[in-house]
Protein backbone atom coordinates (compact mmCIF):
# COMPACT_ATOMS: atom_id res chain seq x y z
CA MET A 1 -13.55 119.85 161.75
CA SER A 2 -14.15 116.07 162.68
CA ASN A 3 -13.59 115.28 158.97
CA ILE A 4 -10.21 116.58 158.94
CA LYS A 5 -7.31 113.88 158.56
CA PHE A 6 -3.74 114.56 159.43
CA ASN A 7 -1.34 112.87 157.45
CA PRO A 8 2.00 111.96 159.16
CA ILE A 9 4.26 112.08 156.13
CA LEU A 10 2.83 115.62 155.28
CA ILE A 11 3.47 117.15 158.44
CA LEU A 12 7.41 115.72 158.55
CA LEU A 13 7.52 117.20 154.49
CA SER A 14 6.32 120.34 156.24
CA LEU A 15 8.67 120.77 159.45
CA LEU A 16 11.43 119.73 156.91
CA LEU A 17 10.98 122.64 154.39
CA TRP A 18 10.07 124.73 157.18
CA PHE A 19 13.59 123.81 158.36
CA ASN A 20 15.17 123.79 155.35
CA ASN A 21 14.07 127.72 155.05
CA TYR A 22 14.89 128.42 158.42
CA SER A 23 18.21 127.44 157.71
CA PHE A 24 19.01 129.36 154.60
CA CYS A 25 17.67 132.64 156.34
CA LYS A 26 20.69 131.95 158.85
CA ASN A 27 23.46 134.75 158.01
CA ASP A 28 26.24 132.11 159.61
CA SER A 29 25.46 129.44 157.10
CA ASN A 30 26.42 131.89 154.06
CA ILE A 31 29.46 133.55 154.96
CA VAL A 32 32.24 132.61 152.69
CA LEU A 33 34.51 130.62 155.04
CA ILE A 34 38.49 131.02 154.14
CA ASN A 35 41.86 129.45 155.32
CA SER A 36 45.49 130.02 154.50
CA SER A 37 45.00 126.71 152.14
CA THR A 38 41.97 128.06 150.29
CA GLN A 39 42.70 128.25 146.79
CA GLU A 40 39.30 127.92 145.13
CA VAL A 41 35.70 128.70 146.92
CA ASN A 42 32.23 127.40 145.12
CA LEU A 43 29.99 130.22 146.02
CA LYS A 44 26.93 128.41 145.30
CA GLY A 45 24.31 129.17 148.26
CA LYS A 46 26.26 132.08 149.68
CA ILE A 47 25.33 135.16 147.48
CA TYR A 48 23.17 137.48 147.71
CA LYS A 49 21.40 139.35 145.31
CA TRP A 50 19.09 142.24 144.85
CA ALA A 51 17.67 144.14 141.76
CA ASP A 52 17.42 148.04 141.93
CA TYR A 53 14.83 149.13 139.48
CA LYS A 54 15.14 152.94 140.04
CA ASN A 55 18.68 152.21 139.57
CA LYS A 56 19.46 155.46 142.14
CA SER A 57 20.73 153.29 145.10
CA THR A 58 24.21 154.04 146.85
CA ILE A 59 26.47 152.19 148.47
CA ASN A 60 25.27 153.41 152.07
CA GLU A 61 21.63 152.95 151.63
CA VAL A 62 22.17 149.44 150.26
CA VAL A 63 24.13 148.49 153.36
CA LYS A 64 21.43 150.06 155.34
CA GLU A 65 18.33 148.83 153.82
CA GLU A 66 19.88 145.32 152.95
CA LYS A 67 17.03 143.99 150.96
CA PHE A 68 19.39 141.08 149.83
CA GLN A 69 18.15 137.78 149.08
CA ILE A 70 20.16 134.56 149.18
CA SER A 71 20.51 133.54 145.50
CA ASN A 72 20.65 129.21 145.07
CA GLU A 73 21.81 130.12 141.22
CA ASN A 74 25.09 128.63 139.69
CA VAL A 75 25.42 132.16 137.94
CA PRO A 76 23.36 135.08 139.54
CA SER A 77 20.82 136.26 136.56
CA PHE A 78 19.08 139.18 136.71
CA GLY A 79 17.72 138.52 132.98
CA TYR A 80 16.49 141.30 130.51
CA ALA A 81 15.51 143.30 133.53
CA LYS A 82 16.29 147.02 133.47
CA ALA A 83 17.75 147.51 136.80
CA ASN A 84 21.30 147.81 138.60
CA GLY A 85 22.15 143.88 139.80
CA TRP A 86 23.29 144.21 143.51
CA LEU A 87 25.50 140.98 144.64
CA LYS A 88 26.87 140.39 148.56
CA LEU A 89 29.07 138.18 149.78
CA GLN A 90 29.89 138.04 153.69
CA LEU A 91 34.15 136.45 153.96
CA GLN A 92 35.39 134.83 156.81
CA TYR A 93 39.43 134.52 157.03
CA SER A 94 40.15 132.27 159.75
CA GLY A 95 44.23 132.51 158.67
CA ASN A 96 47.18 133.82 160.91
CA SER A 97 48.87 135.70 158.11
CA LYS A 98 47.46 137.84 155.65
CA LYS A 99 46.26 136.12 152.43
CA GLU A 100 45.08 137.54 148.99
CA MET A 101 42.53 136.20 147.35
CA LEU A 102 40.88 137.40 143.66
CA ILE A 103 37.04 137.96 143.32
CA ILE A 104 36.23 137.68 139.95
CA LEU A 105 33.21 138.79 137.39
CA PRO A 106 34.19 136.51 134.38
CA ILE A 107 31.68 138.87 131.62
CA PRO A 108 34.30 140.53 129.89
CA LEU A 109 31.58 142.66 128.04
CA THR A 110 29.35 143.82 131.47
CA TYR A 111 29.04 147.52 130.54
CA HIS A 112 29.59 149.14 134.04
CA ILE A 113 30.76 147.34 137.51
CA GLU A 114 31.31 148.55 140.68
CA PHE A 115 33.43 146.48 143.65
CA PHE A 116 32.94 147.58 147.24
CA LEU A 117 34.78 146.07 150.21
CA LEU A 118 33.67 146.56 153.81
CA ASP A 119 34.35 145.59 157.10
CA GLU A 120 32.47 143.94 159.96
CA GLN A 121 31.20 147.14 160.81
CA ASN A 122 30.52 148.32 157.16
CA LYS A 123 33.06 150.96 156.57
CA LEU A 124 34.13 150.88 153.24
CA LEU A 125 38.04 149.91 152.88
CA ARG A 126 38.17 150.24 149.06
CA THR A 127 36.18 150.67 145.91
CA THR A 128 36.86 149.89 141.90
CA THR A 129 34.63 151.25 139.40
CA THR A 130 35.08 149.10 136.11
CA GLY A 131 33.44 147.90 132.95
CA CYS A 132 33.99 147.59 129.45
CA LYS A 133 32.69 151.33 129.14
CA PHE A 134 35.96 152.61 130.20
CA PRO A 135 39.40 151.72 128.53
CA PHE A 136 41.24 148.29 128.95
CA ASN A 137 44.46 150.38 130.13
CA GLY A 138 42.63 151.72 133.07
CA ARG A 139 42.09 148.65 135.00
CA ALA A 140 43.82 147.99 137.95
CA TYR A 141 44.47 144.35 137.38
CA ASP A 142 45.97 143.30 133.69
CA SER A 143 42.98 140.65 132.88
CA ARG A 144 40.29 140.45 130.30
CA TYR A 145 37.81 139.43 133.36
CA PHE A 146 36.82 141.96 136.04
CA VAL A 147 39.42 140.94 138.94
CA PHE A 148 39.02 142.41 142.29
CA PRO A 149 42.07 141.73 144.81
CA ILE A 150 41.38 141.44 148.51
CA HIS A 151 43.96 141.50 151.18
CA LEU A 152 42.65 139.86 154.02
CA GLU A 153 44.14 140.09 157.51
CA ALA A 154 43.84 137.58 160.28
CA ASN A 155 40.65 136.30 161.89
CA LYS A 156 38.38 139.55 160.17
CA LEU A 157 34.85 139.12 158.64
CA TYR A 158 34.40 141.39 155.20
CA ASN A 159 31.12 142.54 153.42
CA PHE A 160 31.50 142.30 149.30
CA TYR A 161 29.27 144.22 147.17
CA CYS A 162 29.30 144.29 143.51
CA LYS A 163 26.69 146.35 141.17
CA ALA A 164 27.12 146.02 137.50
CA TYR A 165 24.44 146.86 134.65
CA ASN A 166 24.65 146.55 131.22
CA ASN A 167 23.42 148.68 128.06
CA TYR A 168 22.72 145.03 125.37
CA GLY A 169 20.90 141.74 126.51
CA VAL A 170 21.07 139.86 129.82
CA LEU A 171 22.71 140.66 132.56
CA ASN A 172 24.71 137.95 134.28
CA MET A 173 26.73 137.73 137.40
CA PRO A 174 28.63 134.69 138.12
CA LEU A 175 31.21 135.70 140.80
CA LEU A 176 34.29 133.35 141.51
CA LEU A 177 36.58 133.46 144.55
CA MET A 178 39.77 131.78 143.87
CA SER A 179 43.73 132.32 144.51
CA LYS A 180 45.72 134.27 142.13
CA PRO A 181 47.48 130.82 141.01
CA SER A 182 44.18 129.24 140.45
CA TYR A 183 42.94 132.15 138.41
CA GLN A 184 45.99 131.80 136.22
CA LYS A 185 45.12 127.89 135.94
CA PHE A 186 41.61 128.49 134.86
CA ASN A 187 42.28 131.56 132.26
CA ASN A 188 44.85 129.47 130.87
CA LEU A 189 42.39 126.37 130.35
CA GLU A 190 39.83 128.89 128.91
CA THR A 191 42.44 130.29 126.38
CA ILE A 192 43.53 126.79 125.27
CA ALA A 193 40.33 125.66 124.61
CA LEU A 194 39.08 128.87 122.81
CA PHE A 195 41.78 129.35 120.72
CA SER A 196 41.86 125.07 119.62
CA PHE A 197 38.15 125.73 118.84
CA ILE A 198 39.23 128.75 116.59
CA MET A 199 42.11 126.98 114.66
CA LEU A 200 39.57 124.17 113.95
CA LEU A 201 36.99 126.93 112.22
CA VAL A 202 39.71 128.65 110.30
CA VAL A 203 41.17 125.38 108.98
CA ILE A 204 37.52 124.73 107.51
CA ILE A 205 37.72 128.45 106.71
CA ILE A 206 40.91 127.34 104.24
CA ILE A 207 39.82 124.33 102.94
CA SER A 208 36.32 126.21 102.20
CA PHE A 209 38.01 128.87 100.40
CA ALA A 210 40.32 126.46 98.18
CA LEU A 211 36.91 124.95 97.22
CA TYR A 212 35.10 128.37 96.52
CA ILE A 213 38.35 129.11 93.91
CA ASN A 214 37.71 125.66 92.22
CA PHE A 215 34.02 125.35 92.05
CA LYS A 216 32.54 129.09 91.97
CA ASP A 217 29.92 127.95 94.09
CA GLN A 218 28.38 131.20 96.22
CA ILE A 219 27.52 128.82 99.25
CA TYR A 220 31.55 128.51 100.35
CA LEU A 221 31.40 132.10 100.98
CA PHE A 222 28.55 132.03 102.92
CA TYR A 223 29.82 129.36 104.82
CA ILE A 224 32.99 131.13 105.64
CA GLY A 225 31.11 134.27 106.46
CA TYR A 226 29.48 132.22 109.39
CA LEU A 227 32.63 130.85 110.31
CA PHE A 228 34.42 133.69 110.11
CA SER A 229 31.43 135.79 112.25
CA ILE A 230 31.51 132.85 114.69
CA ILE A 231 35.25 133.52 115.21
CA CYS A 232 34.91 137.02 116.01
CA SER A 233 32.06 137.06 118.43
CA ARG A 234 33.74 134.67 120.49
CA LEU A 235 36.90 136.85 120.46
CA ALA A 236 34.48 139.60 121.38
CA LEU A 237 32.56 137.82 123.91
CA PHE A 238 35.67 136.28 125.79
CA GLY A 239 37.14 140.04 125.61
CA TYR A 240 40.40 139.03 123.65
CA ALA A 241 39.41 142.03 121.01
CA PHE A 242 38.60 144.21 123.76
CA GLN A 243 42.07 143.54 125.18
CA TYR A 244 44.48 142.93 122.45
CA LEU A 245 42.81 144.82 119.57
CA HIS A 246 40.88 148.02 120.42
CA PRO A 247 41.79 148.71 124.17
CA LEU A 248 41.55 152.68 124.24
CA GLU A 249 37.82 152.22 122.10
CA PRO A 250 35.56 150.49 124.78
CA GLU A 251 32.41 151.92 122.58
CA ILE A 252 33.33 149.20 119.71
CA ALA A 253 33.58 146.36 122.58
CA SER A 254 29.69 146.05 123.58
CA VAL A 255 28.70 146.78 120.15
CA SER A 256 31.12 144.20 118.81
CA LYS A 257 29.60 141.20 119.91
CA ILE A 258 26.16 141.94 119.10
CA LEU A 259 27.25 143.29 115.61
CA PHE A 260 29.13 139.86 114.74
CA TRP A 261 26.55 137.83 116.27
CA ILE A 262 23.93 139.17 113.37
CA PHE A 263 26.31 138.55 110.79
CA ALA A 264 26.58 135.13 111.59
CA VAL A 265 22.95 134.58 112.00
CA ILE A 266 22.54 136.37 108.54
CA PHE A 267 25.21 133.89 107.14
CA PHE A 268 23.81 131.12 108.63
CA ASN A 269 20.38 131.75 106.90
CA LEU A 270 21.94 132.32 103.45
CA PHE A 271 23.91 129.39 104.03
CA THR A 272 21.27 127.11 105.02
CA LYS A 273 19.08 128.74 102.26
CA LYS A 274 21.33 126.88 99.95
CA LEU A 275 22.65 123.91 101.62
CA LEU A 276 18.66 122.76 101.78
CA LYS A 277 17.14 124.01 98.28
CA ASN A 278 15.53 120.85 97.26
CA LYS A 279 13.52 120.37 93.68
CA VAL A 280 10.47 119.22 95.57
CA TYR A 281 9.77 121.80 97.99
CA GLN A 282 9.99 125.31 97.31
CA PHE A 283 9.86 126.90 100.80
CA LYS A 284 8.65 130.05 99.93
CA LYS A 285 6.33 131.04 103.07
CA SER A 286 10.03 130.00 105.52
CA LEU A 287 12.46 131.68 102.65
CA LYS A 288 9.99 134.91 103.09
CA ILE A 289 10.32 134.71 106.53
CA LEU A 290 14.05 134.70 106.43
CA LYS A 291 14.55 137.45 104.01
CA LEU A 292 12.30 139.81 106.63
CA GLN A 293 14.39 138.64 109.29
CA HIS A 294 17.69 140.36 107.32
CA TYR A 295 15.70 143.46 106.77
CA PHE A 296 15.04 143.44 110.92
CA TYR A 297 19.00 142.76 111.30
CA ALA A 298 20.01 144.99 108.65
CA CYS A 299 17.92 147.60 111.18
CA VAL A 300 19.52 147.00 113.71
CA ILE A 301 23.01 147.18 112.41
CA ILE A 302 22.64 150.69 111.09
CA TYR A 303 20.81 151.72 114.33
CA MET A 304 23.77 150.05 116.34
CA CYS A 305 26.27 151.90 113.66
CA ILE A 306 24.38 155.31 114.23
CA GLN A 307 24.79 154.93 118.10
CA PHE A 308 27.97 154.31 117.73
CA ILE A 309 28.97 157.18 115.84
CA PHE A 310 26.44 159.37 118.37
CA PRO A 311 26.64 157.99 121.71
CA SER A 312 24.71 160.22 123.50
CA ILE A 313 21.11 159.03 121.57
CA GLU A 314 22.22 155.30 123.31
CA ASN A 315 19.09 154.06 125.28
CA ILE A 316 19.71 151.58 127.70
CA HIS A 317 16.15 150.03 128.01
CA PHE A 318 15.62 150.00 124.45
CA ASN A 319 18.85 148.29 123.35
CA THR A 320 17.51 145.86 126.18
CA TYR A 321 14.53 144.77 124.05
CA LEU A 322 16.20 145.05 121.06
CA ILE A 323 18.93 142.75 122.01
CA PHE A 324 15.88 140.25 123.28
CA PHE A 325 13.74 140.71 119.78
CA VAL A 326 17.25 140.02 118.18
CA HIS A 327 17.90 136.13 119.95
CA PHE A 328 13.57 135.60 119.40
CA ASN A 329 14.73 136.17 115.58
CA PHE A 330 17.60 133.64 115.71
CA LEU A 331 15.40 131.00 117.53
CA VAL A 332 12.60 131.47 114.99
CA SER A 333 15.71 131.04 112.60
CA ILE A 334 16.19 128.07 113.86
CA ILE A 335 12.75 126.30 113.95
CA ILE A 336 12.12 127.41 110.40
CA VAL A 337 15.71 126.02 109.05
CA LEU A 338 14.92 122.83 111.32
CA ARG A 339 11.41 122.58 109.89
CA MET A 340 13.30 122.64 106.45
CA ALA A 341 15.58 120.23 107.28
CA MET A 342 13.00 117.65 108.23
CA ILE A 343 10.85 117.80 105.66
CA ASN A 344 14.05 117.55 103.34
CA PHE A 345 13.96 114.12 104.85
CA LYS A 346 11.00 112.75 102.95
CA THR A 347 13.35 113.19 99.98
CA ASN A 348 16.01 111.21 101.20
CA HIS A 349 18.07 114.73 100.82
CA GLY A 350 21.58 113.81 102.29
CA PRO A 351 22.72 117.33 103.13
CA SER A 352 19.18 117.79 105.24
CA LYS A 353 19.98 114.89 107.43
CA TYR A 354 23.42 116.15 108.55
CA PHE A 355 22.10 119.41 108.73
CA ALA A 356 19.63 117.99 111.28
CA ILE A 357 21.90 116.01 113.04
CA ALA A 358 24.34 118.83 113.29
CA PHE A 359 22.25 120.70 116.24
CA VAL A 360 21.59 117.26 118.13
CA PRO A 361 25.19 117.58 119.90
CA LEU A 362 24.47 121.60 120.37
CA LEU A 363 21.21 121.16 122.00
CA ILE A 364 22.30 117.90 124.09
CA ILE A 365 25.15 119.99 125.51
CA MET A 366 23.04 122.85 126.19
CA ILE A 367 20.55 121.02 128.01
CA ILE A 368 23.49 119.48 130.53
CA SER A 369 24.83 123.20 131.06
CA ILE A 370 21.20 124.43 132.07
CA LEU A 371 20.96 120.81 134.31
CA SER A 372 24.21 121.68 135.60
CA ASN A 373 23.20 125.02 136.93
CA TYR A 374 20.65 123.60 138.84
CA GLN A 375 23.28 121.16 140.15
CA ILE A 376 21.08 117.64 138.50
CA VAL A 377 24.30 117.47 137.04
CA SER A 378 27.86 118.01 138.13
CA LYS A 379 30.18 120.61 136.68
CA SER A 380 32.46 119.31 134.24
CA PHE A 381 34.27 120.36 131.18
CA ILE A 382 31.34 119.97 128.78
CA THR A 383 29.31 122.34 131.04
CA ASN A 384 32.29 124.76 131.69
CA TYR A 385 32.52 125.10 127.46
CA PRO A 386 28.56 124.46 126.52
CA ILE A 387 28.67 126.47 123.01
CA GLU A 388 32.59 125.68 121.85
CA LEU A 389 31.56 121.69 122.09
CA GLY A 390 28.61 122.56 120.82
CA LEU A 391 29.73 124.57 117.95
CA THR A 392 32.68 122.13 117.15
CA PHE A 393 30.53 119.30 116.74
CA GLU A 394 28.21 121.35 114.48
CA VAL A 395 30.61 122.83 112.18
CA ILE A 396 32.09 119.33 111.73
CA LEU A 397 28.83 118.11 110.44
CA LEU A 398 27.62 121.47 108.89
CA SER A 399 30.86 120.54 107.13
CA THR A 400 29.95 117.19 106.49
CA ALA A 401 26.31 118.27 104.78
CA LEU A 402 28.61 120.80 102.96
CA ILE A 403 30.89 117.78 101.31
CA SER A 404 27.30 115.38 100.74
CA ARG A 405 25.93 118.50 99.00
CA HIS A 406 29.33 118.72 96.53
CA LYS A 407 28.86 114.60 95.72
CA ILE A 408 25.02 115.31 94.96
CA ILE A 409 26.16 117.95 92.41
CA ILE A 410 28.72 116.35 91.40
CA ASN A 411 26.75 112.84 90.91
CA ARG A 412 23.78 115.35 88.81
CA SER A 413 26.41 116.68 86.51
CA THR A 414 27.27 112.98 85.55
CA GLU A 415 23.84 112.38 85.29
CA LEU A 416 22.92 114.97 83.46
CA GLU A 417 25.89 114.21 81.05
CA PHE A 418 25.14 110.72 80.83
CA GLN A 419 21.14 111.62 80.09
CA ILE A 420 22.19 114.16 77.70
CA ASN A 421 23.77 111.70 75.38
CA GLU A 422 20.89 109.20 75.87
CA TYR A 423 17.97 110.92 74.97
CA LYS A 424 20.18 112.88 72.33
CA ASN A 425 20.61 109.24 70.68
CA HIS A 426 17.00 108.52 71.18
CA LEU A 427 15.65 111.64 69.90
CA ASN A 428 17.78 111.14 66.67
CA GLU A 429 16.33 108.13 66.36
CA LEU A 430 12.89 109.88 66.62
CA GLN A 431 13.77 112.55 64.15
CA ASN A 432 15.56 110.48 61.37
CA ASN A 433 11.73 108.35 61.56
CA THR A 434 14.30 105.07 62.81
CA ILE A 435 10.83 104.09 64.66
CA SER A 436 8.14 103.10 61.93
CA SER A 437 4.82 103.90 62.59
CA SER A 438 4.11 100.11 62.23
CA PRO A 439 7.16 98.29 63.38
CA THR A 440 5.51 94.87 63.05
CA SER A 441 7.48 93.60 60.43
CA LYS A 442 10.63 94.30 61.60
CA THR A 443 10.00 93.33 64.95
CA SER A 444 8.74 89.76 63.61
CA GLU A 445 11.69 89.27 61.68
CA LYS A 446 14.35 89.99 64.82
CA TYR A 447 12.13 87.67 66.79
CA VAL A 448 11.17 84.80 64.21
CA ASN A 449 13.29 82.05 65.84
CA SER A 450 11.39 82.96 69.76
CA LYS A 451 10.23 80.03 71.56
CA HIS A 452 7.58 82.21 73.31
CA SER A 453 3.79 82.58 71.49
CA ASN A 454 1.93 85.13 71.38
CA GLU A 455 -0.12 83.99 74.12
CA ASP A 456 2.98 83.67 76.38
CA LEU A 457 4.13 87.19 75.31
CA ASN A 458 0.62 88.84 76.34
CA GLN A 459 0.82 87.04 79.90
CA ILE A 460 4.29 88.57 80.32
CA LEU A 461 3.25 92.00 79.64
CA GLU A 462 0.23 92.01 81.73
CA LYS A 463 2.60 90.32 84.45
CA LEU A 464 5.15 93.47 83.84
CA LYS A 465 2.69 96.31 83.43
CA GLN A 466 1.43 94.79 87.03
CA GLU A 467 4.83 94.39 88.78
CA VAL A 468 5.85 98.42 87.61
CA ALA A 469 2.39 99.76 88.29
CA GLU A 470 2.05 97.97 91.78
CA LYS A 471 5.71 98.36 93.40
CA GLN A 472 5.91 102.18 91.19
CA LEU A 473 8.98 100.93 89.28
CA PHE A 474 9.07 103.84 87.17
CA LEU A 475 9.88 106.35 90.23
CA ASP A 476 13.35 104.74 90.18
CA LYS A 477 15.38 107.70 88.41
CA GLU A 478 17.93 105.29 87.71
CA LEU A 479 16.05 102.49 86.78
CA SER A 480 17.38 100.36 83.32
CA ILE A 481 16.59 97.40 81.63
CA SER A 482 18.73 95.44 83.97
CA LYS A 483 17.21 96.77 86.83
CA LEU A 484 13.39 95.91 85.77
CA SER A 485 14.72 92.59 84.77
CA GLU A 486 15.98 92.03 88.57
CA ALA A 487 12.93 93.68 90.41
CA THR A 488 10.56 91.83 88.06
CA SER A 489 12.22 88.57 87.84
CA ILE A 490 11.60 88.53 84.00
CA ASN A 491 14.66 87.89 81.78
CA GLN A 492 16.12 91.21 80.25
CA HIS A 493 15.79 90.03 76.39
CA LEU A 494 12.29 88.60 77.13
CA ILE A 495 11.11 92.40 78.11
CA SER A 496 12.55 93.52 75.33
CA GLN A 497 10.79 91.70 73.10
CA VAL A 498 7.61 92.04 74.60
CA LEU A 499 8.19 95.71 74.20
CA ASN A 500 9.01 95.67 70.95
CA GLN A 501 6.69 92.99 69.75
CA VAL A 502 3.67 93.02 71.27
CA GLU A 503 3.58 97.00 72.78
CA ASN A 504 5.37 98.75 69.77
CA LYS A 505 7.58 100.63 72.23
CA ASN A 506 10.81 100.72 73.27
CA PHE A 507 12.24 100.70 77.07
CA TYR A 508 11.81 104.51 77.58
CA ASP A 509 9.00 104.87 75.95
CA PHE A 510 7.18 102.29 78.15
CA ILE A 511 8.91 103.48 81.51
CA ASN A 512 8.12 107.31 80.45
CA ALA A 513 4.26 106.66 80.14
CA TYR A 514 3.82 105.59 83.62
CA ARG A 515 5.88 108.78 84.72
CA ILE A 516 4.02 111.11 82.56
CA CYS A 517 0.99 110.02 84.00
CA LYS A 518 1.80 110.27 87.46
CA ALA A 519 2.95 113.48 86.92
CA LYS A 520 -0.20 114.38 85.43
CA GLU A 521 -1.87 113.31 88.90
CA MET A 522 0.24 115.42 90.61
CA LEU A 523 -0.23 118.12 88.50
CA MET A 524 -3.77 118.51 88.76
CA ASP A 525 -3.74 117.59 92.57
CA LYS A 526 -4.01 120.34 94.92
CA ASN A 527 -2.02 118.92 97.76
CA PHE A 528 0.99 119.39 95.25
CA GLN A 529 0.14 122.62 94.12
CA ASN A 530 3.43 123.70 96.59
CA TYR A 531 5.72 121.95 94.50
CA SER A 532 7.62 123.14 91.40
CA ILE A 533 7.57 121.86 88.26
CA GLU A 534 10.69 120.76 88.61
CA GLY A 535 10.45 119.23 91.70
CA ILE A 536 7.30 116.93 90.10
CA GLY A 537 9.35 115.64 87.34
CA THR A 538 11.71 114.46 90.33
CA GLU A 539 9.40 112.99 92.01
CA CYS A 540 7.87 110.88 89.06
CA GLY A 541 11.71 109.85 88.33
CA PHE A 542 12.83 112.32 85.60
CA ASN A 543 16.93 112.80 86.18
CA THR A 544 16.48 116.74 84.92
CA LYS A 545 13.50 119.29 84.04
CA ALA A 546 14.91 119.54 80.32
CA THR A 547 14.24 115.81 79.72
CA PHE A 548 10.75 116.05 81.71
CA TYR A 549 9.82 119.01 79.91
CA THR A 550 10.58 117.06 76.50
CA THR A 551 9.09 113.67 77.38
CA PHE A 552 6.01 115.40 78.81
CA LYS A 553 5.70 117.25 75.52
CA LYS A 554 6.42 114.32 73.37
CA PHE A 555 3.25 112.56 75.02
CA SER A 556 0.79 115.45 76.19
CA ASN A 557 1.39 117.92 73.13
CA CYS A 558 1.57 120.37 75.43
CA THR A 559 4.57 121.40 78.09
CA PRO A 560 3.63 120.38 82.32
CA ALA A 561 3.20 124.32 82.66
CA GLU A 562 0.78 124.61 80.27
CA PHE A 563 -1.09 121.32 81.45
CA ARG A 564 -1.41 122.28 85.14
CA LYS A 565 -2.73 125.76 84.35
CA LYS A 566 -5.43 124.21 81.57
CA GLU A 567 -6.37 121.48 84.03
CA LEU A 568 -6.82 123.85 86.76
CA ASP A 569 -8.67 126.57 84.83
CA ASN A 570 -11.16 123.44 83.86
CA ASN A 571 -11.73 122.60 87.88
CA GLY A 572 -9.04 119.91 87.98
CA ASP A 573 -10.82 117.04 86.00
CA LYS A 574 -9.91 113.76 86.83
CA ILE A 575 -7.16 112.04 84.24
CA ILE A 576 -8.26 108.30 83.57
CA LYS A 577 -5.11 106.53 84.03
CA SER A 578 -4.04 104.21 81.31
CA VAL A 579 -0.56 102.77 79.84
């Protein structure tokens, strides 16, 4: 015992923590105080919660047993728990006249809710049963949120209880306490924020549809499907669809939010598959996983439709696990497509850059929202509407990625047309035997007045070969004799003379020889087995698959696919690089 040392700082901290916990356990500090001028109350640290895993407790049993514990969350949550969530508030009104306040549960698609108001002696004053399982017109208060009006009398204490459970997914129970004018202002602000977001998406949908009509590219349809599914899911999630589109059909309300979310994920996967398509990487495994996910989503949709037709088969516990796996699959989709986008960075794929950046604002805003829930960041407009703001930035940047992809397609079409014309002329020369098997006499006559000796030309050729090989200038798809001249500091006409007079080659044959050697190395390298033939051609400097195949066959008397198969069958014998 003599070795034990007491640290006064630790003792002080322990006392402070004990006092802090003791103070939170005191009922008086957690009573919600209301006066005649109160418009809105912050309920942080005032709400008690309890999870009833037996799902059988009545209000009398709950009041009698008092199993509640204080909740320090901004949004009391019961997660995926298969339980009835119970909340409790103690309200003390100190005004001299009667006052009406509203207790709001702002989760429009909560399946089943019961509100209870009791006096100080726990005598039941009023109760209301509601939720999205009931027709909308049966609500006592005309609102997409669940509102429980309470009429407070002077200097009285009230106990408020709320019971809820969900048939799909997470059970969150954020309670708001505010006056009627404050609630109207809050509701109007949310409506403006949501419909501003929706109008942005509608504008982008119209533009995308016009582009589809013009270019007949399927990716625009996938993008439209993604945006439209987001709009429908937000309208369903915020309760507007239930309130205005199908108020007498509550069954649709609980199913629609999940279905539209699944459709959004499916269209998102199809869109990103087209957007991130690259000649170099094929992503066979990633695309196979996404395809399997689509089968899973199809099964979920079929199950939910059957459940909608035959409500008697509904199993809340099974639905909870089902929605968990839907969310988990969406997370896997995000990881896969982000990995595809990051890999595409290596090839300077423009759309992939915008695609990856598109998720940064969404992630940042979501992190800020989480921090605000722990009161590390103060509440603001950003933390109140994280999904809408994040998706706004995401959609704008995804549209930019789509524009980038469109520019790439136009540039490729232009380049392809140019390359086709260029190589047609070159092949015509070959076919017409314009390139003689011994063109020395013709080239000698052409450069008869040259000031450079044969020794000078050989030195220049060696320098040219060294520059092209070391700097790998041949990998540039847009390499021309003028660009080669700039890169090597050798006069353009001198390059032409050296190639014709010493090498007996034209510019294209000289550069393509390097490209074909590089292509052969990659075709034999096991590290590039996941590359497509077209991807290897692109990496080696060829603009099109047709050009790569034509040139490869000219230099090797076989196609790239035949060469790969032959060399792999021979255990990948190394090729000797010689140009």
